Amino acid sequence: MKPTKTIPTFEDENEERIFWQTHDVTEYIDMTQAKRVRFPNLKKTTKSISIRLPLDMIDALKVKANSMDVPYQSLIKMILSEGLKA
């Protein structure tokens, strides 16, 4: 299907986001010409969580992180990532 409509000009990203949430992209873009792309350098979206850990575990994490010259929260993420891969 060939696109039949012209994409409007948007004031900001929020306006564009709302537009695309309520309109069919195939009416504006020829999807038969689309190509798959990757964006490997984009930062992943993160979300803060609360987790209760024993104080001695936090202290041990901080000591280990300090010896590796990384923030202890980064060390926790590294450990979790490795555990998920296993």
N, C-alpha and C. Protein backbone atom coordinates (compact mmCIF):
# COMPACT_ATOMS: atom_id res chain seq x y z
N MET A 1 0.85 -1.19 0.00
CA MET A 1 0.00 0.00 0.00
C MET A 1 0.89 1.25 0.00
N LYS A 2 0.64 2.14 -0.90
CA LYS A 2 1.40 3.38 -0.99
C LYS A 2 0.84 4.41 0.00
N PRO A 3 1.72 5.19 0.63
CA PRO A 3 1.24 6.21 1.56
C PRO A 3 0.38 7.24 0.84
N THR A 4 -0.66 7.70 1.51
CA THR A 4 -1.58 8.64 0.89
C THR A 4 -1.62 9.99 1.60
N LYS A 5 -1.00 10.07 2.75
CA LYS A 5 -1.08 11.30 3.53
C LYS A 5 0.32 11.85 3.81
N THR A 6 0.40 13.15 4.02
CA THR A 6 1.66 13.82 4.35
C THR A 6 1.80 13.90 5.87
N ILE A 7 2.98 13.58 6.36
CA ILE A 7 3.24 13.65 7.80
C ILE A 7 3.24 15.12 8.21
N PRO A 8 2.45 15.47 9.24
CA PRO A 8 2.41 16.87 9.67
C PRO A 8 3.69 17.30 10.37
N THR A 9 3.84 18.59 10.56
CA THR A 9 4.96 19.14 11.32
C THR A 9 4.53 19.19 12.78
N PHE A 10 5.42 18.77 13.68
CA PHE A 10 5.08 18.70 15.10
C PHE A 10 5.82 19.77 15.88
N GLU A 11 5.18 20.28 16.92
CA GLU A 11 5.80 21.29 17.78
C GLU A 11 6.89 20.69 18.66
N ASP A 12 6.67 19.44 19.12
CA ASP A 12 7.64 18.79 20.00
C ASP A 12 7.44 17.28 19.95
N GLU A 13 8.31 16.55 20.64
CA GLU A 13 8.25 15.10 20.63
C GLU A 13 6.95 14.57 21.22
N ASN A 14 6.44 15.22 22.25
CA ASN A 14 5.21 14.77 22.87
C ASN A 14 4.04 14.82 21.88
N GLU A 15 3.96 15.90 21.13
CA GLU A 15 2.90 16.04 20.12
C GLU A 15 3.04 14.93 19.07
N GLU A 16 4.26 14.66 18.64
CA GLU A 16 4.49 13.61 17.66
C GLU A 16 4.13 12.24 18.24
N ARG A 17 4.50 12.00 19.49
CA ARG A 17 4.19 10.72 20.15
C ARG A 17 2.68 10.49 20.18
N ILE A 18 1.93 11.51 20.56
CA ILE A 18 0.47 11.40 20.62
C ILE A 18 -0.10 11.14 19.23
N PHE A 19 0.44 11.81 18.23
CA PHE A 19 -0.03 11.62 16.85
C PHE A 19 0.13 10.17 16.42
N TRP A 20 1.33 9.60 16.61
CA TRP A 20 1.59 8.24 16.14
C TRP A 20 0.84 7.19 16.96
N GLN A 21 0.47 7.53 18.18
CA GLN A 21 -0.33 6.59 18.98
C GLN A 21 -1.77 6.51 18.48
N THR A 22 -2.18 7.51 17.73
CA THR A 22 -3.58 7.57 17.29
C THR A 22 -3.74 7.48 15.77
N HIS A 23 -2.66 7.27 15.02
CA HIS A 23 -2.74 7.19 13.56
C HIS A 23 -2.01 5.95 13.04
N ASP A 24 -2.44 5.48 11.91
CA ASP A 24 -1.84 4.30 11.27
C ASP A 24 -0.66 4.73 10.41
N VAL A 25 0.53 4.24 10.78
CA VAL A 25 1.76 4.63 10.09
C VAL A 25 1.71 4.28 8.60
N THR A 26 1.00 3.22 8.23
CA THR A 26 0.97 2.79 6.83
C THR A 26 0.25 3.79 5.92
N GLU A 27 -0.49 4.71 6.51
CA GLU A 27 -1.13 5.76 5.70
C GLU A 27 -0.14 6.88 5.37
N TYR A 28 1.02 6.88 6.03
CA TYR A 28 1.99 7.97 5.87
C TYR A 28 3.35 7.51 5.34
N ILE A 29 3.67 6.23 5.55
CA ILE A 29 4.99 5.73 5.18
C ILE A 29 4.84 4.42 4.42
N ASP A 30 5.61 4.27 3.34
CA ASP A 30 5.60 3.03 2.56
C ASP A 30 6.44 1.99 3.29
N MET A 31 5.79 1.11 4.03
CA MET A 31 6.49 0.14 4.86
C MET A 31 7.18 -0.95 4.05
N THR A 32 6.86 -1.07 2.75
CA THR A 32 7.55 -2.06 1.92
C THR A 32 9.00 -1.66 1.70
N GLN A 33 9.33 -0.40 1.93
CA GLN A 33 10.70 0.10 1.76
C GLN A 33 11.46 0.14 3.09
N ALA A 34 10.81 -0.26 4.17
CA ALA A 34 11.43 -0.20 5.50
C ALA A 34 12.55 -1.23 5.62
N LYS A 35 13.58 -0.86 6.37
CA LYS A 35 14.70 -1.75 6.64
C LYS A 35 14.89 -1.85 8.14
N ARG A 36 15.26 -3.05 8.59
CA ARG A 36 15.51 -3.26 10.02
C ARG A 36 16.84 -2.59 10.40
N VAL A 37 16.82 -1.85 11.50
CA VAL A 37 18.03 -1.19 11.99
C VAL A 37 18.22 -1.53 13.46
N ARG A 38 19.46 -1.37 13.92
CA ARG A 38 19.78 -1.58 15.34
C ARG A 38 20.43 -0.30 15.85
N PHE A 39 20.19 0.00 17.10
CA PHE A 39 20.78 1.14 17.76
C PHE A 39 21.54 0.65 19.00
N PRO A 40 22.72 0.07 18.79
CA PRO A 40 23.43 -0.57 19.90
C PRO A 40 23.94 0.39 20.96
N ASN A 41 24.04 1.67 20.65
CA ASN A 41 24.60 2.61 21.61
C ASN A 41 23.56 3.36 22.43
N LEU A 42 22.28 3.03 22.24
CA LEU A 42 21.25 3.68 23.03
C LEU A 42 21.31 3.17 24.47
N LYS A 43 21.10 4.09 25.40
CA LYS A 43 21.06 3.67 26.79
C LYS A 43 19.72 2.99 27.06
N LYS A 44 19.78 1.89 27.76
CA LYS A 44 18.56 1.18 28.12
C LYS A 44 17.78 1.99 29.15
N THR A 45 16.48 1.89 29.06
CA THR A 45 15.64 2.54 30.06
C THR A 45 15.82 1.82 31.38
N THR A 46 15.97 2.57 32.43
CA THR A 46 16.15 1.96 33.74
C THR A 46 15.01 2.35 34.66
N LYS A 47 14.84 1.57 35.70
CA LYS A 47 13.81 1.84 36.70
C LYS A 47 14.42 1.57 38.07
N SER A 48 14.20 2.48 38.98
CA SER A 48 14.68 2.30 40.35
C SER A 48 13.81 1.29 41.06
N ILE A 49 14.46 0.44 41.85
CA ILE A 49 13.74 -0.51 42.68
C ILE A 49 14.30 -0.44 44.09
N SER A 50 13.55 -0.93 45.04
CA SER A 50 14.04 -1.03 46.41
C SER A 50 14.25 -2.50 46.71
N ILE A 51 15.37 -2.81 47.32
CA ILE A 51 15.66 -4.19 47.71
C ILE A 51 16.34 -4.14 49.07
N ARG A 52 15.90 -4.98 49.95
CA ARG A 52 16.50 -5.01 51.29
C ARG A 52 17.57 -6.09 51.31
N LEU A 53 18.77 -5.66 51.69
CA LEU A 53 19.91 -6.57 51.80
C LEU A 53 20.49 -6.45 53.20
N PRO A 54 21.05 -7.53 53.71
CA PRO A 54 21.71 -7.45 55.02
C PRO A 54 22.88 -6.46 54.95
N LEU A 55 23.08 -5.74 56.05
CA LEU A 55 24.15 -4.73 56.08
C LEU A 55 25.51 -5.33 55.78
N ASP A 56 25.77 -6.54 56.28
CA ASP A 56 27.09 -7.13 56.01
C ASP A 56 27.27 -7.44 54.53
N MET A 57 26.18 -7.75 53.83
CA MET A 57 26.27 -8.00 52.38
C MET A 57 26.56 -6.69 51.64
N ILE A 58 25.92 -5.62 52.06
CA ILE A 58 26.16 -4.31 51.43
C ILE A 58 27.61 -3.89 51.68
N ASP A 59 28.07 -4.08 52.90
CA ASP A 59 29.47 -3.74 53.20
C ASP A 59 30.43 -4.55 52.34
N ALA A 60 30.16 -5.85 52.18
CA ALA A 60 31.03 -6.69 51.36
C ALA A 60 30.99 -6.24 49.89
N LEU A 61 29.80 -5.87 49.42
CA LEU A 61 29.67 -5.37 48.04
C LEU A 61 30.48 -4.09 47.85
N LYS A 62 30.42 -3.21 48.84
CA LYS A 62 31.15 -1.95 48.74
C LYS A 62 32.66 -2.18 48.74
N VAL A 63 33.13 -3.10 49.56
CA VAL A 63 34.56 -3.41 49.60
C VAL A 63 35.01 -3.99 48.26
N LYS A 64 34.25 -4.96 47.75
CA LYS A 64 34.60 -5.58 46.46
C LYS A 64 34.55 -4.55 45.34
N ALA A 65 33.50 -3.72 45.33
CA ALA A 65 33.37 -2.70 44.29
C ALA A 65 34.53 -1.71 44.35
N ASN A 66 34.92 -1.34 45.55
CA ASN A 66 36.04 -0.42 45.72
C ASN A 66 37.33 -1.02 45.17
N SER A 67 37.52 -2.32 45.41
CA SER A 67 38.74 -2.97 44.90
C SER A 67 38.73 -3.07 43.37
N MET A 68 37.54 -3.05 42.79
CA MET A 68 37.41 -3.10 41.32
C MET A 68 37.30 -1.70 40.72
N ASP A 69 37.27 -0.68 41.59
CA ASP A 69 37.14 0.72 41.18
C ASP A 69 35.85 0.97 40.39
N VAL A 70 34.75 0.41 40.89
CA VAL A 70 33.42 0.65 40.29
C VAL A 70 32.46 1.00 41.42
N PRO A 71 31.42 1.75 41.14
CA PRO A 71 30.39 2.00 42.17
C PRO A 71 29.72 0.68 42.56
N TYR A 72 29.35 0.56 43.83
CA TYR A 72 28.81 -0.72 44.29
C TYR A 72 27.49 -1.07 43.61
N GLN A 73 26.69 -0.07 43.26
CA GLN A 73 25.43 -0.37 42.56
C GLN A 73 25.72 -0.91 41.16
N SER A 74 26.78 -0.44 40.53
CA SER A 74 27.18 -0.99 39.23
C SER A 74 27.62 -2.44 39.38
N LEU A 75 28.32 -2.74 40.48
CA LEU A 75 28.74 -4.11 40.74
C LEU A 75 27.51 -5.01 40.91
N ILE A 76 26.51 -4.52 41.62
CA ILE A 76 25.28 -5.31 41.79
C ILE A 76 24.65 -5.61 40.43
N LYS A 77 24.60 -4.61 39.56
CA LYS A 77 24.04 -4.82 38.21
C LYS A 77 24.86 -5.84 37.43
N MET A 78 26.18 -5.77 37.56
CA MET A 78 27.05 -6.73 36.87
C MET A 78 26.78 -8.15 37.36
N ILE A 79 26.66 -8.29 38.68
CA ILE A 79 26.42 -9.62 39.26
C ILE A 79 25.06 -10.16 38.81
N LEU A 80 24.04 -9.30 38.82
CA LEU A 80 22.72 -9.73 38.37
C LEU A 80 22.72 -10.11 36.90
N SER A 81 23.41 -9.34 36.08
CA SER A 81 23.49 -9.63 34.65
C SER A 81 24.16 -10.98 34.40
N GLU A 82 25.27 -11.22 35.10
CA GLU A 82 25.97 -12.51 34.96
C GLU A 82 25.08 -13.67 35.40
N GLY A 83 24.36 -13.46 36.49
CA GLY A 83 23.46 -14.49 36.98
C GLY A 83 22.33 -14.81 36.01
N LEU A 84 21.83 -13.80 35.32
CA LEU A 84 20.76 -14.02 34.34
C LEU A 84 21.27 -14.77 33.11
N LYS A 85 22.53 -14.58 32.77
CA LYS A 85 23.10 -15.27 31.61
C LYS A 85 23.36 -16.74 31.90
N ALA A 86 23.59 -17.07 33.18
CA ALA A 86 23.92 -18.46 33.55
C ALA A 86 22.71 -19.38 33.48
